[in-house]
Amino acid sequence: MTKIKESSSNFANRQMLANECPEVFAAHIIGGQWSLAICCYLINGSLRYNEIKKCLPNITERMLTLQLRKLEKSGVVKRTIYPEVPPRVTYELTPIGHELSPIISELGKWGEKLKGLSP
């Protein structure tokens, strides 16, 4: 994941678009293959880190951690730590995260149409 310097014009353009256009803001939160894929798996219920990793075998541990933190910070995913030894941590969609369900469903339908158009 490439971090854009806050002093760059690219960063300023992204910020302006995100502030002006709620669709761009939302796309920034779930954009990229991993965030959306994580949300797809969490729609079915809470999962532990290793369970998510098994669902996405090609994601690196660092990228999974970064994406989960991003989704948690944005309020889409809730991280729960249980006071056990060893500690158990689960991830689940928040109520606002569950609102993605019909959007993800429609994206799936749209993706299937696009696949059908590919040569």
C-alpha atoms as a PDB file:
ATOM      1  CA  MET A   1       0.000   0.000   0.000  1.00  0.00           C
ATOM      2  CA  THR A   2       1.585   3.243  -1.147  1.00  0.00           C
ATOM      3  CA  LYS A   3       1.276   6.136   1.220  1.00  0.00           C
ATOM      4  CA  ILE A   4       0.786   9.528  -0.415  1.00  0.00           C
ATOM      5  CA  LYS A   5       2.706  12.416   1.097  1.00  0.00           C
ATOM      6  CA  GLU A   6       0.375  14.966   2.623  1.00  0.00           C
ATOM      7  CA  SER A   7       2.256  17.748   0.842  1.00  0.00           C
ATOM      8  CA  SER A   8       1.703  16.265  -2.628  1.00  0.00           C
ATOM      9  CA  SER A   9      -0.869  17.567  -5.089  1.00  0.00           C
ATOM     10  CA  ASN A  10      -2.182  13.990  -5.444  1.00  0.00           C
ATOM     11  CA  PHE A  11      -3.001  13.975  -1.713  1.00  0.00           C
ATOM     12  CA  ALA A  12      -4.691  17.378  -1.992  1.00  0.00           C
ATOM     13  CA  ASN A  13      -6.743  16.190  -4.968  1.00  0.00           C
ATOM     14  CA  ARG A  14      -7.827  13.034  -3.117  1.00  0.00           C
ATOM     15  CA  GLN A  15      -8.810  15.057  -0.052  1.00  0.00           C
ATOM     16  CA  MET A  16     -10.796  17.552  -2.134  1.00  0.00           C
ATOM     17  CA  LEU A  17     -12.646  14.784  -3.994  1.00  0.00           C
ATOM     18  CA  ALA A  18     -13.358  12.893  -0.779  1.00  0.00           C
ATOM     19  CA  ASN A  19     -14.702  16.057   0.851  1.00  0.00           C
ATOM     20  CA  GLU A  20     -16.834  17.009  -2.153  1.00  0.00           C
ATOM     21  CA  CYS A  21     -18.103  13.614  -3.254  1.00  0.00           C
ATOM     22  CA  PRO A  22     -19.459  11.074  -0.740  1.00  0.00           C
ATOM     23  CA  GLU A  23     -19.144   8.315  -3.348  1.00  0.00           C
ATOM     24  CA  VAL A  24     -15.400   8.917  -3.625  1.00  0.00           C
ATOM     25  CA  PHE A  25     -15.112   9.000   0.163  1.00  0.00           C
ATOM     26  CA  ALA A  26     -16.930   5.659   0.433  1.00  0.00           C
ATOM     27  CA  ALA A  27     -14.891   4.131  -2.397  1.00  0.00           C
ATOM     28  CA  HIS A  28     -11.697   5.184  -0.614  1.00  0.00           C
ATOM     29  CA  ILE A  29     -12.769   3.259   2.499  1.00  0.00           C
ATOM     30  CA  ILE A  30     -13.686  -0.010   0.777  1.00  0.00           C
ATOM     31  CA  GLY A  31     -11.572   0.517  -2.341  1.00  0.00           C
ATOM     32  CA  GLY A  32      -8.962  -1.993  -3.308  1.00  0.00           C
ATOM     33  CA  GLN A  33      -9.356  -5.714  -3.562  1.00  0.00           C
ATOM     34  CA  TRP A  34      -8.562  -6.576   0.043  1.00  0.00           C
ATOM     35  CA  SER A  35     -10.917  -4.255   1.956  1.00  0.00           C
ATOM     36  CA  LEU A  36     -13.899  -5.279  -0.103  1.00  0.00           C
ATOM     37  CA  ALA A  37     -12.955  -8.965   0.088  1.00  0.00           C
ATOM     38  CA  ILE A  38     -12.619  -8.760   3.887  1.00  0.00           C
ATOM     39  CA  CYS A  39     -16.060  -7.176   4.129  1.00  0.00           C
ATOM     40  CA  CYS A  40     -17.495  -9.917   1.876  1.00  0.00           C
ATOM     41  CA  TYR A  41     -16.320 -12.604   4.301  1.00  0.00           C
ATOM     42  CA  LEU A  42     -17.393 -10.688   7.423  1.00  0.00           C
ATOM     43  CA  ILE A  43     -20.955 -10.309   6.109  1.00  0.00           C
ATOM     44  CA  ASN A  44     -21.501 -13.925   7.175  1.00  0.00           C
ATOM     45  CA  GLY A  45     -20.422 -13.242  10.770  1.00  0.00           C
ATOM     46  CA  SER A  46     -17.416 -12.559  12.938  1.00  0.00           C
ATOM     47  CA  LEU A  47     -14.078 -14.167  12.153  1.00  0.00           C
ATOM     48  CA  ARG A  48     -10.724 -14.449  13.838  1.00  0.00           C
ATOM     49  CA  TYR A  49      -7.609 -13.079  12.146  1.00  0.00           C
ATOM     50  CA  ASN A  50      -6.401 -16.531  11.041  1.00  0.00           C
ATOM     51  CA  GLU A  51      -9.841 -17.380   9.634  1.00  0.00           C
ATOM     52  CA  ILE A  52      -9.756 -14.247   7.491  1.00  0.00           C
ATOM     53  CA  LYS A  53      -6.212 -15.118   6.419  1.00  0.00           C
ATOM     54  CA  LYS A  54      -7.393 -18.600   5.320  1.00  0.00           C
ATOM     55  CA  CYS A  55     -10.136 -16.995   3.224  1.00  0.00           C
ATOM     56  CA  LEU A  56      -7.539 -14.773   1.535  1.00  0.00           C
ATOM     57  CA  PRO A  57      -4.432 -16.963   1.215  1.00  0.00           C
ATOM     58  CA  ASN A  58      -2.607 -14.517  -1.093  1.00  0.00           C
ATOM     59  CA  ILE A  59      -2.784 -11.537   1.264  1.00  0.00           C
ATOM     60  CA  THR A  60       0.313 -10.845   3.335  1.00  0.00           C
ATOM     61  CA  GLU A  61      -0.039 -10.625   7.096  1.00  0.00           C
ATOM     62  CA  ARG A  62       1.102  -7.003   6.997  1.00  0.00           C
ATOM     63  CA  MET A  63      -1.513  -6.081   4.379  1.00  0.00           C
ATOM     64  CA  LEU A  64      -4.272  -7.905   6.270  1.00  0.00           C
ATOM     65  CA  THR A  65      -3.360  -6.063   9.455  1.00  0.00           C
ATOM     66  CA  LEU A  66      -3.281  -2.700   7.646  1.00  0.00           C
ATOM     67  CA  GLN A  67      -6.626  -3.311   5.969  1.00  0.00           C
ATOM     68  CA  LEU A  68      -8.307  -4.434   9.197  1.00  0.00           C
ATOM     69  CA  ARG A  69      -6.981  -1.333  10.977  1.00  0.00           C
ATOM     70  CA  LYS A  70      -8.221   0.913   8.161  1.00  0.00           C
ATOM     71  CA  LEU A  71     -11.679  -0.667   8.252  1.00  0.00           C
ATOM     72  CA  GLU A  72     -11.765  -0.451  12.032  1.00  0.00           C
ATOM     73  CA  LYS A  73     -10.702   3.199  12.022  1.00  0.00           C
ATOM     74  CA  SER A  74     -13.408   4.029   9.479  1.00  0.00           C
ATOM     75  CA  GLY A  75     -16.085   2.355  11.624  1.00  0.00           C
ATOM     76  CA  VAL A  76     -16.848  -0.473   9.188  1.00  0.00           C
ATOM     77  CA  VAL A  77     -15.271  -3.261  11.265  1.00  0.00           C
ATOM     78  CA  LYS A  78     -15.298  -3.823  15.016  1.00  0.00           C
ATOM     79  CA  ARG A  79     -12.394  -5.586  16.722  1.00  0.00           C
ATOM     80  CA  THR A  80     -13.235  -7.408  19.953  1.00  0.00           C
ATOM     81  CA  ILE A  81     -10.584  -8.677  22.353  1.00  0.00           C
ATOM     82  CA  TYR A  82     -11.765 -11.302  24.819  1.00  0.00           C
ATOM     83  CA  PRO A  83     -10.029 -11.424  28.211  1.00  0.00           C
ATOM     84  CA  GLU A  84      -8.816 -14.995  27.910  1.00  0.00           C
ATOM     85  CA  VAL A  85      -5.423 -16.656  27.986  1.00  0.00           C
ATOM     86  CA  PRO A  86      -4.319 -16.591  25.261  1.00  0.00           C
ATOM     87  CA  PRO A  87      -6.365 -13.563  24.180  1.00  0.00           C
ATOM     88  CA  ARG A  88      -8.974 -14.207  21.516  1.00  0.00           C
ATOM     89  CA  VAL A  89      -9.624 -11.457  18.978  1.00  0.00           C
ATOM     90  CA  THR A  90     -12.539 -11.392  16.546  1.00  0.00           C
ATOM     91  CA  TYR A  91     -13.501  -9.035  13.737  1.00  0.00           C
ATOM     92  CA  GLU A  92     -17.047  -8.302  12.666  1.00  0.00           C
ATOM     93  CA  LEU A  93     -18.918  -5.747  10.647  1.00  0.00           C
ATOM     94  CA  THR A  94     -20.465  -2.868  12.566  1.00  0.00           C
ATOM     95  CA  PRO A  95     -24.072  -1.888  11.818  1.00  0.00           C
ATOM     96  CA  ILE A  96     -22.795   0.619   9.232  1.00  0.00           C
ATOM     97  CA  GLY A  97     -20.588  -2.141   7.829  1.00  0.00           C
ATOM     98  CA  HIS A  98     -23.602  -4.425   7.441  1.00  0.00           C
ATOM     99  CA  GLU A  99     -25.199  -1.718   5.296  1.00  0.00           C
ATOM    100  CA  LEU A 100     -22.634  -2.748   2.659  1.00  0.00           C
ATOM    101  CA  SER A 101     -24.430  -6.061   2.130  1.00  0.00           C
ATOM    102  CA  PRO A 102     -26.825  -4.914  -0.638  1.00  0.00           C
ATOM    103  CA  ILE A 103     -24.054  -2.825  -2.213  1.00  0.00           C
ATOM    104  CA  ILE A 104     -21.709  -5.820  -2.321  1.00  0.00           C
ATOM    105  CA  SER A 105     -24.521  -7.935  -3.750  1.00  0.00           C
ATOM    106  CA  GLU A 106     -25.107  -5.411  -6.542  1.00  0.00           C
ATOM    107  CA  LEU A 107     -21.360  -5.174  -7.222  1.00  0.00           C
ATOM    108  CA  GLY A 108     -21.340  -8.957  -7.583  1.00  0.00           C
ATOM    109  CA  LYS A 109     -24.144  -8.840 -10.134  1.00  0.00           C
ATOM    110  CA  TRP A 110     -22.389  -6.056 -12.025  1.00  0.00           C
ATOM    111  CA  GLY A 111     -19.119  -8.008 -11.962  1.00  0.00           C
ATOM    112  CA  GLU A 112     -20.826 -11.073 -13.418  1.00  0.00           C
ATOM    113  CA  LYS A 113     -22.187  -8.926 -16.277  1.00  0.00           C
ATOM    114  CA  LEU A 114     -18.705  -7.552 -16.951  1.00  0.00           C
ATOM    115  CA  LYS A 115     -17.217 -11.058 -16.952  1.00  0.00           C
ATOM    116  CA  GLY A 116     -19.747 -12.024 -19.588  1.00  0.00           C
ATOM    117  CA  LEU A 117     -18.595  -9.143 -21.796  1.00  0.00           C
ATOM    118  CA  SER A 118     -14.920 -10.080 -21.623  1.00  0.00           C
ATOM    119  CA  PRO A 119     -13.494 -11.621 -24.817  1.00  0.00           C
END
